[in-house]
Amino acid sequence: MSKPPLDPDVTDVAPNEPALTAYDEQHVVTYIRLLQAEGEGADWRQVARIVLHIDPEQEPDRARTAYQSHLARAKWVTQQGHLLRGVGSK
């Protein structure tokens, strides 16, 4: 796996496939940042603005949906153990 981008653009909704996707591999840093922010008790609106680049005041529904779906995907990736051994590792 090549090095993932540090700050890639996100889609409105994260993948929901039962296996890792290329999108997951590209967004591993985004997932880590989301998990860290949640662990620190950060306000989801700040996280959407800073990590996902979506303004929750301008697009509240889109920001909330993107935040929730990407955080859920980050948790799924972690529960599968992919962040621990590196996304895309065999």
N, C-alpha and C. Protein backbone atom coordinates (compact mmCIF):
# COMPACT_ATOMS: atom_id res chain seq x y z
N MET A 1 0.85 -1.18 0.00
CA MET A 1 0.00 0.00 0.00
C MET A 1 0.88 1.23 0.00
N SER A 2 0.52 2.19 -0.83
CA SER A 2 1.25 3.44 -0.83
C SER A 2 0.80 4.28 0.37
N LYS A 3 1.57 5.29 0.65
CA LYS A 3 1.27 6.16 1.78
C LYS A 3 -0.05 6.89 1.52
N PRO A 4 -1.01 6.85 2.48
CA PRO A 4 -2.29 7.52 2.25
C PRO A 4 -2.14 9.03 2.32
N PRO A 5 -2.98 9.76 1.58
CA PRO A 5 -2.93 11.22 1.65
C PRO A 5 -3.26 11.70 3.07
N LEU A 6 -2.71 12.82 3.46
CA LEU A 6 -2.93 13.33 4.82
C LEU A 6 -4.28 14.01 4.99
N ASP A 7 -4.80 14.61 3.94
CA ASP A 7 -6.02 15.39 4.10
C ASP A 7 -6.90 15.31 2.85
N PRO A 8 -7.35 14.09 2.50
CA PRO A 8 -8.13 13.94 1.26
C PRO A 8 -9.55 14.47 1.41
N ASP A 9 -10.13 14.84 0.29
CA ASP A 9 -11.55 15.22 0.28
C ASP A 9 -12.37 13.98 0.62
N VAL A 10 -13.55 14.20 1.19
CA VAL A 10 -14.42 13.09 1.55
C VAL A 10 -15.71 13.16 0.74
N THR A 11 -16.34 12.01 0.61
CA THR A 11 -17.66 11.94 -0.01
C THR A 11 -18.70 12.27 1.06
N ASP A 12 -19.92 12.46 0.64
CA ASP A 12 -20.98 12.78 1.60
C ASP A 12 -21.28 11.63 2.55
N VAL A 13 -21.06 10.41 2.08
CA VAL A 13 -21.31 9.22 2.89
C VAL A 13 -20.13 8.26 2.71
N ALA A 14 -19.63 7.74 3.81
CA ALA A 14 -18.52 6.78 3.77
C ALA A 14 -19.01 5.44 3.22
N PRO A 15 -18.10 4.61 2.74
CA PRO A 15 -18.49 3.29 2.25
C PRO A 15 -19.15 2.47 3.36
N ASN A 16 -19.96 1.52 2.94
CA ASN A 16 -20.61 0.62 3.88
C ASN A 16 -20.47 -0.83 3.44
N GLU A 17 -19.47 -1.09 2.61
CA GLU A 17 -19.22 -2.45 2.13
C GLU A 17 -18.68 -3.32 3.25
N PRO A 18 -18.86 -4.63 3.15
CA PRO A 18 -18.36 -5.53 4.19
C PRO A 18 -16.87 -5.83 4.09
N ALA A 19 -16.19 -5.18 3.16
CA ALA A 19 -14.74 -5.34 3.00
C ALA A 19 -14.12 -3.96 2.81
N LEU A 20 -12.81 -3.88 3.03
CA LEU A 20 -12.11 -2.62 2.81
C LEU A 20 -12.21 -2.20 1.36
N THR A 21 -12.26 -0.91 1.16
CA THR A 21 -12.31 -0.36 -0.19
C THR A 21 -11.08 0.52 -0.42
N ALA A 22 -10.89 0.91 -1.67
CA ALA A 22 -9.81 1.85 -1.99
C ALA A 22 -10.05 3.17 -1.24
N TYR A 23 -11.31 3.55 -1.10
CA TYR A 23 -11.64 4.77 -0.35
C TYR A 23 -11.14 4.65 1.09
N ASP A 24 -11.36 3.51 1.73
CA ASP A 24 -10.87 3.30 3.09
C ASP A 24 -9.36 3.47 3.16
N GLU A 25 -8.67 2.90 2.21
CA GLU A 25 -7.21 2.99 2.20
C GLU A 25 -6.75 4.43 2.04
N GLN A 26 -7.47 5.21 1.25
CA GLN A 26 -7.12 6.61 1.04
C GLN A 26 -7.47 7.47 2.25
N HIS A 27 -8.39 7.02 3.08
CA HIS A 27 -8.89 7.84 4.18
C HIS A 27 -8.49 7.34 5.56
N VAL A 28 -7.47 6.52 5.64
CA VAL A 28 -7.04 6.00 6.94
C VAL A 28 -6.67 7.14 7.89
N VAL A 29 -6.03 8.17 7.39
CA VAL A 29 -5.66 9.31 8.26
C VAL A 29 -6.93 10.04 8.72
N THR A 30 -7.88 10.18 7.83
CA THR A 30 -9.17 10.80 8.21
C THR A 30 -9.83 10.00 9.31
N TYR A 31 -9.84 8.68 9.19
CA TYR A 31 -10.45 7.83 10.20
C TYR A 31 -9.74 7.98 11.55
N ILE A 32 -8.43 8.01 11.52
CA ILE A 32 -7.68 8.17 12.76
C ILE A 32 -8.00 9.51 13.41
N ARG A 33 -8.05 10.55 12.61
CA ARG A 33 -8.36 11.89 13.14
C ARG A 33 -9.77 11.92 13.75
N LEU A 34 -10.72 11.27 13.11
CA LEU A 34 -12.09 11.22 13.64
C LEU A 34 -12.13 10.48 14.98
N LEU A 35 -11.45 9.37 15.06
CA LEU A 35 -11.43 8.59 16.30
C LEU A 35 -10.73 9.36 17.42
N GLN A 36 -9.65 10.04 17.10
CA GLN A 36 -8.97 10.85 18.11
C GLN A 36 -9.86 11.98 18.60
N ALA A 37 -10.52 12.64 17.69
CA ALA A 37 -11.41 13.75 18.06
C ALA A 37 -12.54 13.27 18.95
N GLU A 38 -13.12 12.13 18.60
CA GLU A 38 -14.20 11.59 19.43
C GLU A 38 -13.66 11.25 20.82
N GLY A 39 -12.49 10.65 20.88
CA GLY A 39 -11.89 10.29 22.16
C GLY A 39 -11.59 11.49 23.04
N GLU A 40 -11.34 12.62 22.41
CA GLU A 40 -11.06 13.85 23.14
C GLU A 40 -12.33 14.64 23.45
N GLY A 41 -13.47 14.13 22.99
CA GLY A 41 -14.74 14.81 23.25
C GLY A 41 -14.97 16.06 22.41
N ALA A 42 -14.34 16.12 21.25
CA ALA A 42 -14.49 17.28 20.38
C ALA A 42 -15.92 17.39 19.85
N ASP A 43 -16.36 18.60 19.67
CA ASP A 43 -17.68 18.86 19.09
C ASP A 43 -17.70 18.39 17.64
N TRP A 44 -18.71 17.64 17.26
CA TRP A 44 -18.78 17.08 15.91
C TRP A 44 -18.73 18.16 14.84
N ARG A 45 -19.27 19.35 15.15
CA ARG A 45 -19.29 20.43 14.17
C ARG A 45 -17.87 20.91 13.85
N GLN A 46 -17.04 21.01 14.87
CA GLN A 46 -15.64 21.39 14.64
C GLN A 46 -14.92 20.32 13.83
N VAL A 47 -15.20 19.07 14.16
CA VAL A 47 -14.57 17.96 13.45
C VAL A 47 -14.99 17.96 11.99
N ALA A 48 -16.27 18.18 11.73
CA ALA A 48 -16.75 18.23 10.35
C ALA A 48 -16.05 19.35 9.58
N ARG A 49 -15.90 20.48 10.22
CA ARG A 49 -15.26 21.63 9.57
C ARG A 49 -13.77 21.37 9.32
N ILE A 50 -13.07 20.88 10.33
CA ILE A 50 -11.61 20.74 10.25
C ILE A 50 -11.18 19.48 9.50
N VAL A 51 -11.78 18.36 9.84
CA VAL A 51 -11.34 17.08 9.28
C VAL A 51 -12.02 16.77 7.94
N LEU A 52 -13.32 17.03 7.87
CA LEU A 52 -14.07 16.67 6.66
C LEU A 52 -14.20 17.82 5.67
N HIS A 53 -13.86 19.04 6.10
CA HIS A 53 -13.94 20.23 5.24
C HIS A 53 -15.37 20.53 4.79
N ILE A 54 -16.31 20.31 5.70
CA ILE A 54 -17.71 20.62 5.42
C ILE A 54 -18.17 21.59 6.50
N ASP A 55 -18.71 22.72 6.09
CA ASP A 55 -19.15 23.74 7.04
C ASP A 55 -20.54 23.36 7.58
N PRO A 56 -20.63 23.02 8.87
CA PRO A 56 -21.93 22.60 9.42
C PRO A 56 -22.95 23.73 9.53
N GLU A 57 -22.51 24.96 9.45
CA GLU A 57 -23.46 26.08 9.46
C GLU A 57 -24.08 26.28 8.09
N GLN A 58 -23.29 26.05 7.05
CA GLN A 58 -23.77 26.20 5.68
C GLN A 58 -24.53 24.97 5.19
N GLU A 59 -24.06 23.79 5.61
CA GLU A 59 -24.64 22.52 5.16
C GLU A 59 -24.80 21.57 6.35
N PRO A 60 -25.73 21.86 7.26
CA PRO A 60 -25.84 21.07 8.49
C PRO A 60 -26.17 19.60 8.27
N ASP A 61 -27.08 19.29 7.38
CA ASP A 61 -27.45 17.89 7.15
C ASP A 61 -26.31 17.12 6.51
N ARG A 62 -25.69 17.71 5.52
CA ARG A 62 -24.56 17.06 4.85
C ARG A 62 -23.41 16.84 5.83
N ALA A 63 -23.11 17.85 6.63
CA ALA A 63 -22.01 17.74 7.60
C ALA A 63 -22.29 16.64 8.61
N ARG A 64 -23.49 16.59 9.13
CA ARG A 64 -23.84 15.59 10.15
C ARG A 64 -23.80 14.17 9.55
N THR A 65 -24.35 14.02 8.36
CA THR A 65 -24.36 12.71 7.70
C THR A 65 -22.93 12.25 7.41
N ALA A 66 -22.11 13.13 6.87
CA ALA A 66 -20.72 12.78 6.56
C ALA A 66 -19.97 12.43 7.84
N TYR A 67 -20.16 13.23 8.87
CA TYR A 67 -19.48 12.95 10.14
C TYR A 67 -19.89 11.58 10.69
N GLN A 68 -21.18 11.34 10.78
CA GLN A 68 -21.67 10.09 11.36
C GLN A 68 -21.24 8.88 10.55
N SER A 69 -21.33 8.97 9.22
CA SER A 69 -20.99 7.79 8.41
C SER A 69 -19.49 7.53 8.42
N HIS A 70 -18.67 8.57 8.40
CA HIS A 70 -17.23 8.37 8.42
C HIS A 70 -16.75 7.89 9.79
N LEU A 71 -17.35 8.39 10.85
CA LEU A 71 -16.98 7.91 12.18
C LEU A 71 -17.38 6.45 12.34
N ALA A 72 -18.56 6.09 11.86
CA ALA A 72 -18.99 4.69 11.93
C ALA A 72 -18.04 3.79 11.13
N ARG A 73 -17.62 4.26 9.97
CA ARG A 73 -16.70 3.47 9.16
C ARG A 73 -15.34 3.37 9.84
N ALA A 74 -14.89 4.44 10.45
CA ALA A 74 -13.61 4.42 11.19
C ALA A 74 -13.67 3.38 12.31
N LYS A 75 -14.78 3.33 13.01
CA LYS A 75 -14.94 2.35 14.09
C LYS A 75 -14.97 0.93 13.52
N TRP A 76 -15.65 0.74 12.39
CA TRP A 76 -15.70 -0.57 11.77
C TRP A 76 -14.30 -1.02 11.35
N VAL A 77 -13.56 -0.13 10.71
CA VAL A 77 -12.20 -0.46 10.27
C VAL A 77 -11.36 -0.85 11.47
N THR A 78 -11.50 -0.13 12.56
CA THR A 78 -10.75 -0.43 13.78
C THR A 78 -11.18 -1.77 14.36
N GLN A 79 -12.47 -2.03 14.42
CA GLN A 79 -12.97 -3.29 14.97
C GLN A 79 -12.50 -4.48 14.14
N GLN A 80 -12.30 -4.27 12.86
CA GLN A 80 -11.80 -5.34 12.00
C GLN A 80 -10.30 -5.53 12.16
N GLY A 81 -9.64 -4.61 12.86
CA GLY A 81 -8.22 -4.71 13.10
C GLY A 81 -7.35 -4.13 11.99
N HIS A 82 -7.96 -3.48 11.00
CA HIS A 82 -7.20 -2.99 9.87
C HIS A 82 -6.29 -1.82 10.22
N LEU A 83 -6.71 -0.95 11.12
CA LEU A 83 -5.84 0.16 11.50
C LEU A 83 -4.65 -0.31 12.31
N LEU A 84 -4.82 -1.41 13.03
CA LEU A 84 -3.73 -1.92 13.86
C LEU A 84 -2.62 -2.54 13.03
N ARG A 85 -2.98 -3.21 11.95
CA ARG A 85 -1.96 -3.87 11.14
C ARG A 85 -1.70 -3.14 9.82
N GLY A 86 -2.39 -2.02 9.63
CA GLY A 86 -2.21 -1.24 8.41
C GLY A 86 -3.27 -1.60 7.40
N VAL A 87 -4.02 -0.63 7.00
CA VAL A 87 -5.07 -0.85 6.01
C VAL A 87 -4.43 -1.41 4.76
N GLY A 88 -5.03 -2.45 4.22
CA GLY A 88 -4.54 -3.06 3.00
C GLY A 88 -3.52 -4.16 3.23
N SER A 89 -3.10 -4.36 4.46
CA SER A 89 -2.14 -5.44 4.74
C SER A 89 -2.81 -6.78 4.58
N LYS A 90 -2.07 -7.73 4.17
CA LYS A 90 -2.62 -9.09 4.02
C LYS A 90 -2.14 -9.96 5.14
